Full PDB file with SEQRES, HELIX, SHEET, SSBOND, CRYST1, ORIGX, SCALE, CONECT and MASTER records, all heavy atoms in Angstrom:
SEQRES   1 A   44  TYR ALA ASP ALA VAL LYS GLY ARG PHE THR ILE SER ARG          
SEQRES   2 A   44  ASP ASN ALA LYS ASN THR VAL TYR LEU GLN MET THR SER          
SEQRES   3 A   44  LEU LYS PRO GLU ASP THR ALA VAL TYR TYR CYS ALA VAL          
SEQRES   4 A   44  HIS ARG PHE GLN SER                                          
HELIX    1 AA1 ASN A   15  LYS A   17  5                                   3    
HELIX    2 AA2 PRO A   29  ASP A   31  5                                   3    
SHEET    1 AA1 2 PHE A   9  ASP A  14  0                                        
SHEET    2 AA1 2 THR A  19  MET A  24 -1                                        
CRYST1    1.000    1.000    1.000  90.00  90.00  90.00 P 1           1          
ORIGX1      1.000000  0.000000  0.000000        0.00000                         
ORIGX2      0.000000  1.000000  0.000000        0.00000                         
ORIGX3      0.000000  0.000000  1.000000        0.00000                         
SCALE1      1.000000  0.000000  0.000000        0.00000                         
SCALE2      0.000000  1.000000  0.000000        0.00000                         
SCALE3      0.000000  0.000000  1.000000        0.00000                         
ATOM      1  N   TYR A   1      44.287 -10.760  52.429  1.00  0.00           N  
ATOM      2  CA  TYR A   1      42.949 -10.727  52.981  1.00  0.00           C  
ATOM      3  C   TYR A   1      42.309  -9.390  53.149  1.00  0.00           C  
ATOM      4  O   TYR A   1      43.083  -8.422  53.351  1.00  0.00           O  
ATOM      5  CB  TYR A   1      42.899 -11.400  54.305  1.00  0.00           C  
ATOM      6  CG  TYR A   1      43.375 -12.870  54.307  1.00  0.00           C  
ATOM      7  CD1 TYR A   1      44.685 -13.215  54.553  1.00  0.00           C  
ATOM      8  CD2 TYR A   1      42.496 -13.932  54.120  1.00  0.00           C  
ATOM      9  CE1 TYR A   1      45.083 -14.496  54.547  1.00  0.00           C  
ATOM     10  CE2 TYR A   1      42.889 -15.242  54.032  1.00  0.00           C  
ATOM     11  CZ  TYR A   1      44.210 -15.578  54.231  1.00  0.00           C  
ATOM     12  OH  TYR A   1      44.581 -16.830  54.300  1.00  0.00           O  
ATOM     13  N   ALA A   2      41.034  -9.265  52.929  1.00  0.00           N  
ATOM     14  CA  ALA A   2      40.338  -8.002  53.255  1.00  0.00           C  
ATOM     15  C   ALA A   2      40.382  -7.825  54.751  1.00  0.00           C  
ATOM     16  O   ALA A   2      40.387  -8.788  55.538  1.00  0.00           O  
ATOM     17  CB  ALA A   2      38.947  -8.009  52.765  1.00  0.00           C  
ATOM     18  N   ASP A   3      40.502  -6.634  55.178  1.00  0.00           N  
ATOM     19  CA  ASP A   3      40.559  -6.397  56.721  1.00  0.00           C  
ATOM     20  C   ASP A   3      39.374  -6.969  57.337  1.00  0.00           C  
ATOM     21  O   ASP A   3      39.473  -7.392  58.480  1.00  0.00           O  
ATOM     22  CB  ASP A   3      40.544  -4.831  56.845  1.00  0.00           C  
ATOM     23  CG  ASP A   3      41.882  -4.162  56.500  1.00  0.00           C  
ATOM     24  OD1 ASP A   3      42.913  -4.954  56.396  1.00  0.00           O  
ATOM     25  OD2 ASP A   3      41.955  -2.912  56.379  1.00  0.00           O  
ATOM     26  N   ALA A   4      38.207  -6.995  56.698  1.00  0.00           N  
ATOM     27  CA  ALA A   4      37.029  -7.494  57.352  1.00  0.00           C  
ATOM     28  C   ALA A   4      37.062  -9.039  57.720  1.00  0.00           C  
ATOM     29  O   ALA A   4      36.276  -9.531  58.563  1.00  0.00           O  
ATOM     30  CB  ALA A   4      35.775  -7.266  56.514  1.00  0.00           C  
ATOM     31  N   VAL A   5      37.890  -9.679  57.054  1.00  0.00           N  
ATOM     32  CA  VAL A   5      37.976 -11.144  57.269  1.00  0.00           C  
ATOM     33  C   VAL A   5      39.335 -11.653  57.815  1.00  0.00           C  
ATOM     34  O   VAL A   5      39.484 -12.786  58.155  1.00  0.00           O  
ATOM     35  CB  VAL A   5      37.663 -12.001  56.005  1.00  0.00           C  
ATOM     36  CG1 VAL A   5      36.362 -11.453  55.296  1.00  0.00           C  
ATOM     37  CG2 VAL A   5      38.794 -11.854  55.002  1.00  0.00           C  
ATOM     38  N   LYS A   6      40.269 -10.696  57.868  1.00  0.00           N  
ATOM     39  CA  LYS A   6      41.642 -11.100  58.404  1.00  0.00           C  
ATOM     40  C   LYS A   6      41.531 -11.645  59.791  1.00  0.00           C  
ATOM     41  O   LYS A   6      40.829 -11.259  60.665  1.00  0.00           O  
ATOM     42  CB  LYS A   6      42.516  -9.806  58.382  1.00  0.00           C  
ATOM     43  CG  LYS A   6      43.958 -10.129  58.366  1.00  0.00           C  
ATOM     44  CD  LYS A   6      44.745  -8.839  58.148  1.00  0.00           C  
ATOM     45  CE  LYS A   6      44.449  -8.200  56.699  1.00  0.00           C  
ATOM     46  NZ  LYS A   6      45.341  -7.013  56.453  1.00  0.00           N  
ATOM     47  N   GLY A   7      42.237 -12.843  59.980  1.00  0.00           N  
ATOM     48  CA  GLY A   7      42.242 -13.555  61.238  1.00  0.00           C  
ATOM     49  C   GLY A   7      41.088 -14.545  61.357  1.00  0.00           C  
ATOM     50  O   GLY A   7      41.112 -15.363  62.290  1.00  0.00           O  
ATOM     51  N   ARG A   8      40.097 -14.467  60.476  1.00  0.00           N  
ATOM     52  CA  ARG A   8      38.958 -15.426  60.540  1.00  0.00           C  
ATOM     53  C   ARG A   8      38.920 -16.349  59.299  1.00  0.00           C  
ATOM     54  O   ARG A   8      38.484 -17.458  59.479  1.00  0.00           O  
ATOM     55  CB  ARG A   8      37.647 -14.658  60.639  1.00  0.00           C  
ATOM     56  CG  ARG A   8      37.565 -13.678  61.848  1.00  0.00           C  
ATOM     57  CD  ARG A   8      36.141 -13.069  61.858  1.00  0.00           C  
ATOM     58  NE  ARG A   8      35.780 -12.283  60.803  1.00  0.00           N  
ATOM     59  CZ  ARG A   8      34.774 -12.466  60.018  1.00  0.00           C  
ATOM     60  NH1 ARG A   8      33.979 -13.471  60.194  1.00  0.00           N  
ATOM     61  NH2 ARG A   8      34.475 -11.567  59.016  1.00  0.00           N  
ATOM     62  N   PHE A   9      39.299 -15.854  58.175  1.00  0.00           N  
ATOM     63  CA  PHE A   9      39.261 -16.643  56.931  1.00  0.00           C  
ATOM     64  C   PHE A   9      40.635 -16.979  56.545  1.00  0.00           C  
ATOM     65  O   PHE A   9      41.666 -16.338  56.768  1.00  0.00           O  
ATOM     66  CB  PHE A   9      38.679 -15.832  55.813  1.00  0.00           C  
ATOM     67  CG  PHE A   9      37.207 -15.573  55.962  1.00  0.00           C  
ATOM     68  CD1 PHE A   9      36.498 -15.756  57.116  1.00  0.00           C  
ATOM     69  CD2 PHE A   9      36.560 -15.032  54.890  1.00  0.00           C  
ATOM     70  CE1 PHE A   9      35.141 -15.538  57.145  1.00  0.00           C  
ATOM     71  CE2 PHE A   9      35.139 -14.722  54.884  1.00  0.00           C  
ATOM     72  CZ  PHE A   9      34.496 -14.995  56.042  1.00  0.00           C  
ATOM     73  N   THR A  10      40.799 -18.223  55.930  1.00  0.00           N  
ATOM     74  CA  THR A  10      42.138 -18.677  55.405  1.00  0.00           C  
ATOM     75  C   THR A  10      41.904 -19.199  53.995  1.00  0.00           C  
ATOM     76  O   THR A  10      41.116 -20.118  53.814  1.00  0.00           O  
ATOM     77  CB  THR A  10      42.685 -19.770  56.386  1.00  0.00           C  
ATOM     78  OG1 THR A  10      42.796 -19.295  57.713  1.00  0.00           O  
ATOM     79  CG2 THR A  10      44.050 -20.226  55.778  1.00  0.00           C  
ATOM     80  N   ILE A  11      42.712 -18.742  53.124  1.00  0.00           N  
ATOM     81  CA  ILE A  11      42.761 -19.177  51.749  1.00  0.00           C  
ATOM     82  C   ILE A  11      43.894 -20.151  51.521  1.00  0.00           C  
ATOM     83  O   ILE A  11      44.962 -19.935  52.087  1.00  0.00           O  
ATOM     84  CB  ILE A  11      42.762 -18.086  50.669  1.00  0.00           C  
ATOM     85  CG1 ILE A  11      42.567 -18.568  49.286  1.00  0.00           C  
ATOM     86  CG2 ILE A  11      44.088 -17.291  50.900  1.00  0.00           C  
ATOM     87  CD1 ILE A  11      42.357 -17.453  48.267  1.00  0.00           C  
ATOM     88  N   SER A  12      43.595 -21.195  50.817  1.00  0.00           N  
ATOM     89  CA  SER A  12      44.603 -22.241  50.527  1.00  0.00           C  
ATOM     90  C   SER A  12      44.375 -22.824  49.121  1.00  0.00           C  
ATOM     91  O   SER A  12      43.334 -22.664  48.585  1.00  0.00           O  
ATOM     92  CB  SER A  12      44.668 -23.243  51.607  1.00  0.00           C  
ATOM     93  OG  SER A  12      43.519 -24.026  51.654  1.00  0.00           O  
ATOM     94  N   ARG A  13      45.362 -23.557  48.665  1.00  0.00           N  
ATOM     95  CA  ARG A  13      45.114 -24.114  47.282  1.00  0.00           C  
ATOM     96  C   ARG A  13      45.884 -25.507  47.288  1.00  0.00           C  
ATOM     97  O   ARG A  13      46.829 -25.717  47.880  1.00  0.00           O  
ATOM     98  CB  ARG A  13      45.663 -23.233  46.215  1.00  0.00           C  
ATOM     99  CG  ARG A  13      47.192 -22.953  46.151  1.00  0.00           C  
ATOM    100  CD  ARG A  13      47.464 -21.903  45.164  1.00  0.00           C  
ATOM    101  NE  ARG A  13      47.146 -22.249  43.863  1.00  0.00           N  
ATOM    102  CZ  ARG A  13      47.075 -21.354  42.844  1.00  0.00           C  
ATOM    103  NH1 ARG A  13      47.212 -20.025  43.074  1.00  0.00           N  
ATOM    104  NH2 ARG A  13      46.685 -21.735  41.657  1.00  0.00           N  
ATOM    105  N   ASP A  14      45.283 -26.365  46.439  1.00  0.00           N  
ATOM    106  CA  ASP A  14      45.897 -27.687  46.164  1.00  0.00           C  
ATOM    107  C   ASP A  14      46.085 -27.755  44.658  1.00  0.00           C  
ATOM    108  O   ASP A  14      45.135 -28.021  43.923  1.00  0.00           O  
ATOM    109  CB  ASP A  14      45.057 -28.856  46.717  1.00  0.00           C  
ATOM    110  CG  ASP A  14      45.725 -30.196  46.601  1.00  0.00           C  
ATOM    111  OD1 ASP A  14      46.572 -30.352  45.727  1.00  0.00           O  
ATOM    112  OD2 ASP A  14      45.239 -31.092  47.197  1.00  0.00           O  
ATOM    113  N   ASN A  15      47.279 -27.426  44.166  1.00  0.00           N  
ATOM    114  CA  ASN A  15      47.496 -27.376  42.774  1.00  0.00           C  
ATOM    115  C   ASN A  15      47.358 -28.752  42.115  1.00  0.00           C  
ATOM    116  O   ASN A  15      46.996 -28.765  40.935  1.00  0.00           O  
ATOM    117  CB  ASN A  15      48.774 -26.773  42.437  1.00  0.00           C  
ATOM    118  CG  ASN A  15      48.938 -25.240  42.611  1.00  0.00           C  
ATOM    119  OD1 ASN A  15      47.852 -24.614  42.627  1.00  0.00           O  
ATOM    120  ND2 ASN A  15      50.034 -24.728  42.854  1.00  0.00           N  
ATOM    121  N   ALA A  16      47.609 -29.804  42.808  1.00  0.00           N  
ATOM    122  CA  ALA A  16      47.475 -31.137  42.257  1.00  0.00           C  
ATOM    123  C   ALA A  16      46.002 -31.430  41.928  1.00  0.00           C  
ATOM    124  O   ALA A  16      45.702 -32.232  41.043  1.00  0.00           O  
ATOM    125  CB  ALA A  16      48.001 -32.143  43.191  1.00  0.00           C  
ATOM    126  N   LYS A  17      45.114 -30.746  42.652  1.00  0.00           N  
ATOM    127  CA  LYS A  17      43.659 -30.989  42.502  1.00  0.00           C  
ATOM    128  C   LYS A  17      42.968 -29.833  41.794  1.00  0.00           C  
ATOM    129  O   LYS A  17      41.791 -29.804  41.598  1.00  0.00           O  
ATOM    130  CB  LYS A  17      43.037 -31.172  43.830  1.00  0.00           C  
ATOM    131  CG  LYS A  17      43.371 -32.446  44.520  1.00  0.00           C  
ATOM    132  CD  LYS A  17      42.710 -32.601  45.936  1.00  0.00           C  
ATOM    133  CE  LYS A  17      43.076 -33.943  46.622  1.00  0.00           C  
ATOM    134  NZ  LYS A  17      42.352 -33.993  47.849  1.00  0.00           N  
ATOM    135  N   ASN A  18      43.847 -28.839  41.380  1.00  0.00           N  
ATOM    136  CA  ASN A  18      43.242 -27.720  40.751  1.00  0.00           C  
ATOM    137  C   ASN A  18      42.103 -27.050  41.515  1.00  0.00           C  
ATOM    138  O   ASN A  18      41.032 -26.635  41.068  1.00  0.00           O  
ATOM    139  CB  ASN A  18      42.705 -27.903  39.320  1.00  0.00           C  
ATOM    140  CG  ASN A  18      43.911 -28.047  38.270  1.00  0.00           C  
ATOM    141  OD1 ASN A  18      45.017 -27.633  38.574  1.00  0.00           O  
ATOM    142  ND2 ASN A  18      43.611 -28.523  37.195  1.00  0.00           N  
ATOM    143  N   THR A  19      42.298 -26.922  42.803  1.00  0.00           N  
ATOM    144  CA  THR A  19      41.270 -26.502  43.720  1.00  0.00           C  
ATOM    145  C   THR A  19      41.797 -25.448  44.718  1.00  0.00           C  
ATOM    146  O   THR A  19      42.947 -25.546  45.202  1.00  0.00           O  
ATOM    147  CB  THR A  19      40.683 -27.701  44.565  1.00  0.00           C  
ATOM    148  OG1 THR A  19      40.182 -28.660  43.580  1.00  0.00           O  
ATOM    149  CG2 THR A  19      39.507 -27.257  45.467  1.00  0.00           C  
ATOM    150  N   VAL A  20      40.999 -24.459  44.988  1.00  0.00           N  
ATOM    151  CA  VAL A  20      41.345 -23.386  45.938  1.00  0.00           C  
ATOM    152  C   VAL A  20      40.174 -23.445  46.981  1.00  0.00           C  
ATOM    153  O   VAL A  20      39.012 -23.766  46.691  1.00  0.00           O  
ATOM    154  CB  VAL A  20      41.455 -22.055  45.286  1.00  0.00           C  
ATOM    155  CG1 VAL A  20      40.183 -21.617  44.672  1.00  0.00           C  
ATOM    156  CG2 VAL A  20      41.943 -20.990  46.306  1.00  0.00           C  
ATOM    157  N   TYR A  21      40.602 -23.263  48.203  1.00  0.00           N  
ATOM    158  CA  TYR A  21      39.696 -23.333  49.412  1.00  0.00           C  
ATOM    159  C   TYR A  21      39.583 -21.950  50.160  1.00  0.00           C  
ATOM    160  O   TYR A  21      40.514 -21.196  50.090  1.00  0.00           O  
ATOM    161  CB  TYR A  21      40.133 -24.409  50.369  1.00  0.00           C  
ATOM    162  CG  TYR A  21      40.331 -25.750  49.719  1.00  0.00           C  
ATOM    163  CD1 TYR A  21      41.576 -26.140  49.295  1.00  0.00           C  
ATOM    164  CD2 TYR A  21      39.269 -26.553  49.597  1.00  0.00           C  
ATOM    165  CE1 TYR A  21      41.795 -27.422  48.763  1.00  0.00           C  
ATOM    166  CE2 TYR A  21      39.346 -27.881  48.991  1.00  0.00           C  
ATOM    167  CZ  TYR A  21      40.708 -28.283  48.550  1.00  0.00           C  
ATOM    168  OH  TYR A  21      40.873 -29.470  48.015  1.00  0.00           O  
ATOM    169  N   LEU A  22      38.462 -21.738  50.733  1.00  0.00           N  
ATOM    170  CA  LEU A  22      38.336 -20.663  51.589  1.00  0.00           C  
ATOM    171  C   LEU A  22      37.728 -21.144  52.935  1.00  0.00           C  
ATOM    172  O   LEU A  22      36.560 -21.553  53.009  1.00  0.00           O  
ATOM    173  CB  LEU A  22      37.501 -19.576  51.095  1.00  0.00           C  
ATOM    174  CG  LEU A  22      37.351 -18.299  51.939  1.00  0.00           C  
ATOM    175  CD1 LEU A  22      38.682 -17.541  51.989  1.00  0.00           C  
ATOM    176  CD2 LEU A  22      36.262 -17.373  51.415  1.00  0.00           C  
ATOM    177  N   GLN A  23      38.560 -21.256  54.037  1.00  0.00           N  
ATOM    178  CA  GLN A  23      38.045 -21.718  55.282  1.00  0.00           C  
ATOM    179  C   GLN A  23      37.574 -20.442  56.036  1.00  0.00           C  
ATOM    180  O   GLN A  23      38.376 -19.603  56.227  1.00  0.00           O  
ATOM    181  CB  GLN A  23      39.207 -22.409  56.082  1.00  0.00           C  
ATOM    182  CG  GLN A  23      38.808 -22.893  57.404  1.00  0.00           C  
ATOM    183  CD  GLN A  23      37.789 -24.011  57.541  1.00  0.00           C  
ATOM    184  OE1 GLN A  23      38.007 -24.973  56.723  1.00  0.00           O  
ATOM    185  NE2 GLN A  23      36.716 -23.898  58.167  1.00  0.00           N  
ATOM    186  N   MET A  24      36.373 -20.548  56.425  1.00  0.00           N  
ATOM    187  CA  MET A  24      35.779 -19.331  57.057  1.00  0.00           C  
ATOM    188  C   MET A  24      35.278 -19.745  58.555  1.00  0.00           C  
ATOM    189  O   MET A  24      34.590 -20.794  58.710  1.00  0.00           O  
ATOM    190  CB  MET A  24      34.513 -18.888  56.361  1.00  0.00           C  
ATOM    191  CG  MET A  24      34.818 -18.562  54.782  1.00  0.00           C  
ATOM    192  SD  MET A  24      33.403 -17.827  53.976  1.00  0.00           S  
ATOM    193  CE  MET A  24      32.287 -19.305  54.021  1.00  0.00           C  
ATOM    194  N   THR A  25      35.891 -19.048  59.483  1.00  0.00           N  
ATOM    195  CA  THR A  25      35.531 -19.294  60.860  1.00  0.00           C  
ATOM    196  C   THR A  25      34.992 -18.089  61.630  1.00  0.00           C  
ATOM    197  O   THR A  25      35.106 -16.956  61.015  1.00  0.00           O  
ATOM    198  CB  THR A  25      36.805 -19.819  61.638  1.00  0.00           C  
ATOM    199  OG1 THR A  25      37.812 -18.819  61.695  1.00  0.00           O  
ATOM    200  CG2 THR A  25      37.338 -21.089  61.019  1.00  0.00           C  
ATOM    201  N   SER A  26      34.394 -18.237  62.817  1.00  0.00           N  
ATOM    202  CA  SER A  26      33.903 -17.104  63.499  1.00  0.00           C  
ATOM    203  C   SER A  26      32.969 -16.260  62.660  1.00  0.00           C  
ATOM    204  O   SER A  26      33.095 -15.049  62.564  1.00  0.00           O  
ATOM    205  CB  SER A  26      34.950 -16.210  64.069  1.00  0.00           C  
ATOM    206  OG  SER A  26      35.816 -17.037  64.947  1.00  0.00           O  
ATOM    207  N   LEU A  27      32.129 -16.899  61.848  1.00  0.00           N  
ATOM    208  CA  LEU A  27      31.266 -16.185  60.900  1.00  0.00           C  
ATOM    209  C   LEU A  27      30.353 -15.222  61.543  1.00  0.00           C  
ATOM    210  O   LEU A  27      29.846 -15.461  62.647  1.00  0.00           O  
ATOM    211  CB  LEU A  27      30.500 -17.236  59.997  1.00  0.00           C  
ATOM    212  CG  LEU A  27      31.429 -17.878  58.919  1.00  0.00           C  
ATOM    213  CD1 LEU A  27      30.698 -19.162  58.410  1.00  0.00           C  
ATOM    214  CD2 LEU A  27      31.664 -16.820  57.878  1.00  0.00           C  
ATOM    215  N   LYS A  28      30.089 -14.147  60.798  1.00  0.00           N  
ATOM    216  CA  LYS A  28      29.228 -13.088  61.312  1.00  0.00           C  
ATOM    217  C   LYS A  28      28.093 -12.903  60.309  1.00  0.00           C  
ATOM    218  O   LYS A  28      28.220 -13.212  59.148  1.00  0.00           O  
ATOM    219  CB  LYS A  28      30.079 -11.747  61.460  1.00  0.00           C  
ATOM    220  CG  LYS A  28      31.247 -11.885  62.350  1.00  0.00           C  
ATOM    221  CD  LYS A  28      32.012 -10.553  62.265  1.00  0.00           C  
ATOM    222  CE  LYS A  28      33.308 -10.684  63.106  1.00  0.00           C  
ATOM    223  NZ  LYS A  28      34.135  -9.407  63.137  1.00  0.00           N  
ATOM    224  N   PRO A  29      26.988 -12.316  60.842  1.00  0.00           N  
ATOM    225  CA  PRO A  29      25.916 -12.050  59.836  1.00  0.00           C  
ATOM    226  C   PRO A  29      26.322 -11.188  58.679  1.00  0.00           C  
ATOM    227  O   PRO A  29      25.775 -11.393  57.610  1.00  0.00           O  
ATOM    228  CB  PRO A  29      24.809 -11.345  60.704  1.00  0.00           C  
ATOM    229  CG  PRO A  29      25.082 -11.948  62.136  1.00  0.00           C  
ATOM    230  CD  PRO A  29      26.526 -12.080  62.138  1.00  0.00           C  
ATOM    231  N   GLU A  30      27.212 -10.269  58.921  1.00  0.00           N  
ATOM    232  CA  GLU A  30      27.741  -9.453  57.838  1.00  0.00           C  
ATOM    233  C   GLU A  30      28.551 -10.195  56.829  1.00  0.00           C  
ATOM    234  O   GLU A  30      28.967  -9.615  55.715  1.00  0.00           O  
ATOM    235  CB  GLU A  30      28.447  -8.195  58.304  1.00  0.00           C  
ATOM    236  CG  GLU A  30      29.558  -8.562  59.249  1.00  0.00           C  
ATOM    237  CD  GLU A  30      29.080  -8.428  60.796  1.00  0.00           C  
ATOM    238  OE1 GLU A  30      28.015  -8.876  61.082  1.00  0.00           O  
ATOM    239  OE2 GLU A  30      29.902  -7.836  61.578  1.00  0.00           O  
ATOM    240  N   ASP A  31      28.907 -11.442  57.052  1.00  0.00           N  
ATOM    241  CA  ASP A  31      29.581 -12.237  56.008  1.00  0.00           C  
ATOM    242  C   ASP A  31      28.644 -12.849  55.078  1.00  0.00           C  
ATOM    243  O   ASP A  31      28.983 -13.478  53.977  1.00  0.00           O  
ATOM    244  CB  ASP A  31      30.346 -13.399  56.692  1.00  0.00           C  
ATOM    245  CG  ASP A  31      31.481 -12.863  57.590  1.00  0.00           C  
ATOM    246  OD1 ASP A  31      32.238 -11.971  57.148  1.00  0.00           O  
ATOM    247  OD2 ASP A  31      31.664 -13.422  58.681  1.00  0.00           O  
ATOM    248  N   THR A  32      27.282 -12.679  55.271  1.00  0.00           N  
ATOM    249  CA  THR A  32      26.371 -13.205  54.292  1.00  0.00           C  
ATOM    250  C   THR A  32      26.448 -12.573  52.985  1.00  0.00           C  
ATOM    251  O   THR A  32      26.501 -11.362  52.843  1.00  0.00           O  
ATOM    252  CB  THR A  32      24.960 -12.973  54.857  1.00  0.00           C  
ATOM    253  OG1 THR A  32      24.696 -13.612  56.137  1.00  0.00           O  
ATOM    254  CG2 THR A  32      23.833 -13.337  53.910  1.00  0.00           C  
ATOM    255  N   ALA A  33      26.583 -13.406  51.929  1.00  0.00           N  
ATOM    256  CA  ALA A  33      26.859 -12.903  50.589  1.00  0.00           C  
ATOM    257  C   ALA A  33      26.938 -14.125  49.722  1.00  0.00           C  
ATOM    258  O   ALA A  33      26.995 -15.256  50.094  1.00  0.00           O  
ATOM    259  CB  ALA A  33      28.115 -12.135  50.478  1.00  0.00           C  
ATOM    260  N   VAL A  34      26.964 -13.836  48.363  1.00  0.00           N  
ATOM    261  CA  VAL A  34      27.325 -14.863  47.328  1.00  0.00           C  
ATOM    262  C   VAL A  34      28.848 -14.730  47.192  1.00  0.00           C  
ATOM    263  O   VAL A  34      29.346 -13.668  46.949  1.00  0.00           O  
ATOM    264  CB  VAL A  34      26.594 -14.671  46.023  1.00  0.00           C  
ATOM    265  CG1 VAL A  34      27.064 -15.607  44.971  1.00  0.00           C  
ATOM    266  CG2 VAL A  34      25.139 -14.731  46.198  1.00  0.00           C  
ATOM    267  N   TYR A  35      29.467 -15.895  47.375  1.00  0.00           N  
ATOM    268  CA  TYR A  35      30.876 -15.939  47.247  1.00  0.00           C  
ATOM    269  C   TYR A  35      31.346 -16.500  45.863  1.00  0.00           C  
ATOM    270  O   TYR A  35      30.794 -17.519  45.430  1.00  0.00           O  
ATOM    271  CB  TYR A  35      31.511 -16.783  48.426  1.00  0.00           C  
ATOM    272  CG  TYR A  35      31.484 -16.097  49.720  1.00  0.00           C  
ATOM    273  CD1 TYR A  35      30.255 -15.827  50.398  1.00  0.00           C  
ATOM    274  CD2 TYR A  35      32.653 -15.643  50.270  1.00  0.00           C  
ATOM    275  CE1 TYR A  35      30.268 -15.157  51.596  1.00  0.00           C  
ATOM    276  CE2 TYR A  35      32.709 -14.932  51.548  1.00  0.00           C  
ATOM    277  CZ  TYR A  35      31.519 -14.760  52.143  1.00  0.00           C  
ATOM    278  OH  TYR A  35      31.461 -14.043  53.429  1.00  0.00           O  
ATOM    279  N   TYR A  36      32.296 -15.779  45.298  1.00  0.00           N  
ATOM    280  CA  TYR A  36      32.796 -16.131  43.989  1.00  0.00           C  
ATOM    281  C   TYR A  36      34.281 -16.439  44.043  1.00  0.00           C  
ATOM    282  O   TYR A  36      34.982 -15.683  44.593  1.00  0.00           O  
ATOM    283  CB  TYR A  36      32.555 -14.976  42.956  1.00  0.00           C  
ATOM    284  CG  TYR A  36      31.112 -14.631  42.743  1.00  0.00           C  
ATOM    285  CD1 TYR A  36      30.479 -13.696  43.511  1.00  0.00           C  
ATOM    286  CD2 TYR A  36      30.368 -15.272  41.736  1.00  0.00           C  
ATOM    287  CE1 TYR A  36      29.179 -13.313  43.292  1.00  0.00           C  
ATOM    288  CE2 TYR A  36      29.020 -14.923  41.501  1.00  0.00           C  
ATOM    289  CZ  TYR A  36      28.456 -14.001  42.308  1.00  0.00           C  
ATOM    290  OH  TYR A  36      27.126 -13.597  41.985  1.00  0.00           O  
ATOM    291  N   CYS A  37      34.682 -17.499  43.310  1.00  0.00           N  
ATOM    292  CA  CYS A  37      36.105 -17.643  43.070  1.00  0.00           C  
ATOM    293  C   CYS A  37      36.456 -17.143  41.667  1.00  0.00           C  
ATOM    294  O   CYS A  37      35.624 -17.100  40.737  1.00  0.00           O  
ATOM    295  CB  CYS A  37      36.595 -19.045  43.287  1.00  0.00           C  
ATOM    296  SG  CYS A  37      36.011 -20.277  42.053  1.00  0.00           S  
ATOM    297  N   ALA A  38      37.779 -16.822  41.479  1.00  0.00           N  
ATOM    298  CA  ALA A  38      38.127 -16.318  40.225  1.00  0.00           C  
ATOM    299  C   ALA A  38      39.601 -16.718  39.997  1.00  0.00           C  
ATOM    300  O   ALA A  38      40.326 -16.835  40.973  1.00  0.00           O  
ATOM    301  CB  ALA A  38      37.991 -14.825  40.180  1.00  0.00           C  
ATOM    302  N   VAL A  39      40.051 -16.724  38.691  1.00  0.00           N  
ATOM    303  CA  VAL A  39      41.390 -17.014  38.375  1.00  0.00           C  
ATOM    304  C   VAL A  39      41.988 -15.686  37.749  1.00  0.00           C  
ATOM    305  O   VAL A  39      41.338 -14.988  36.906  1.00  0.00           O  
ATOM    306  CB  VAL A  39      41.476 -18.229  37.431  1.00  0.00           C  
ATOM    307  CG1 VAL A  39      40.669 -18.016  36.121  1.00  0.00           C  
ATOM    308  CG2 VAL A  39      42.919 -18.503  37.056  1.00  0.00           C  
ATOM    309  N   HIS A  40      43.174 -15.391  38.121  1.00  0.00           N  
ATOM    310  CA  HIS A  40      43.872 -14.197  37.710  1.00  0.00           C  
ATOM    311  C   HIS A  40      44.084 -14.284  36.246  1.00  0.00           C  
ATOM    312  O   HIS A  40      44.335 -15.330  35.584  1.00  0.00           O  
ATOM    313  CB  HIS A  40      45.216 -14.064  38.406  1.00  0.00           C  
ATOM    314  CG  HIS A  40      45.767 -12.665  38.405  1.00  0.00           C  
ATOM    315  ND1 HIS A  40      46.456 -12.137  37.474  1.00  0.00           N  
ATOM    316  CD2 HIS A  40      45.707 -11.752  39.414  1.00  0.00           C  
ATOM    317  CE1 HIS A  40      46.778 -10.915  37.700  1.00  0.00           C  
ATOM    318  NE2 HIS A  40      46.325 -10.670  38.962  1.00  0.00           N  
ATOM    319  N   ARG A  41      44.095 -13.106  35.552  1.00  0.00           N  
ATOM    320  CA  ARG A  41      44.295 -13.127  34.154  1.00  0.00           C  
ATOM    321  C   ARG A  41      45.682 -13.255  33.625  1.00  0.00           C  
ATOM    322  O   ARG A  41      45.947 -13.661  32.529  1.00  0.00           O  
ATOM    323  CB  ARG A  41      43.727 -11.792  33.601  1.00  0.00           C  
ATOM    324  CG  ARG A  41      44.377 -10.549  34.032  1.00  0.00           C  
ATOM    325  CD  ARG A  41      43.738  -9.282  33.298  1.00  0.00           C  
ATOM    326  NE  ARG A  41      42.355  -9.084  33.641  1.00  0.00           N  
ATOM    327  CZ  ARG A  41      41.279  -9.263  32.837  1.00  0.00           C  
ATOM    328  NH1 ARG A  41      41.479  -9.656  31.624  1.00  0.00           N  
ATOM    329  NH2 ARG A  41      40.072  -9.007  33.324  1.00  0.00           N  
ATOM    330  N   PHE A  42      46.680 -13.165  34.564  1.00  0.00           N  
ATOM    331  CA  PHE A  42      48.096 -13.278  34.119  1.00  0.00           C  
ATOM    332  C   PHE A  42      48.740 -14.379  34.931  1.00  0.00           C  
ATOM    333  O   PHE A  42      48.696 -14.374  36.104  1.00  0.00           O  
ATOM    334  CB  PHE A  42      48.837 -11.988  34.280  1.00  0.00           C  
ATOM    335  CG  PHE A  42      48.302 -10.866  33.540  1.00  0.00           C  
ATOM    336  CD1 PHE A  42      47.915  -9.685  34.224  1.00  0.00           C  
ATOM    337  CD2 PHE A  42      48.197 -10.859  32.190  1.00  0.00           C  
ATOM    338  CE1 PHE A  42      47.319  -8.561  33.525  1.00  0.00           C  
ATOM    339  CE2 PHE A  42      47.648  -9.760  31.475  1.00  0.00           C  
ATOM    340  CZ  PHE A  42      47.197  -8.615  32.126  1.00  0.00           C  
ATOM    341  N   GLN A  43      49.562 -15.275  34.161  1.00  0.00           N  
ATOM    342  CA  GLN A  43      50.187 -16.289  34.951  1.00  0.00           C  
ATOM    343  C   GLN A  43      51.488 -15.812  35.573  1.00  0.00           C  
ATOM    344  O   GLN A  43      52.128 -14.950  35.109  1.00  0.00           O  
ATOM    345  CB  GLN A  43      50.532 -17.526  33.960  1.00  0.00           C  
ATOM    346  CG  GLN A  43      51.488 -17.135  32.867  1.00  0.00           C  
ATOM    347  CD  GLN A  43      51.775 -18.373  31.990  1.00  0.00           C  
ATOM    348  OE1 GLN A  43      51.397 -19.486  32.419  1.00  0.00           O  
ATOM    349  NE2 GLN A  43      52.392 -18.174  30.923  1.00  0.00           N  
ATOM    350  N   SER A  44      51.800 -16.423  36.725  1.00  0.00           N  
ATOM    351  CA  SER A  44      53.032 -16.142  37.498  1.00  0.00           C  
ATOM    352  C   SER A  44      53.165 -14.699  37.727  1.00  0.00           C  
ATOM    353  O   SER A  44      54.328 -14.149  37.741  1.00  0.00           O  
ATOM    354  CB  SER A  44      54.275 -16.706  36.813  1.00  0.00           C  
ATOM    355  OG  SER A  44      54.100 -18.058  36.454  1.00  0.00           O  
TER     356      SER A  44                                                      
MASTER        0    0    0    2    2    0    0    6  355    1    0    4          
END                                                                             
């Protein structure tokens, strides 16, 4: 986690559903942004 979101955001994944999640709590105005997900270029 980035320091700015540590303790407030939680990332998780469900490989059976090919889905990754970002649970965001205690949101602040400075969290306003466009959020992008991405897949790493190298496996394992």
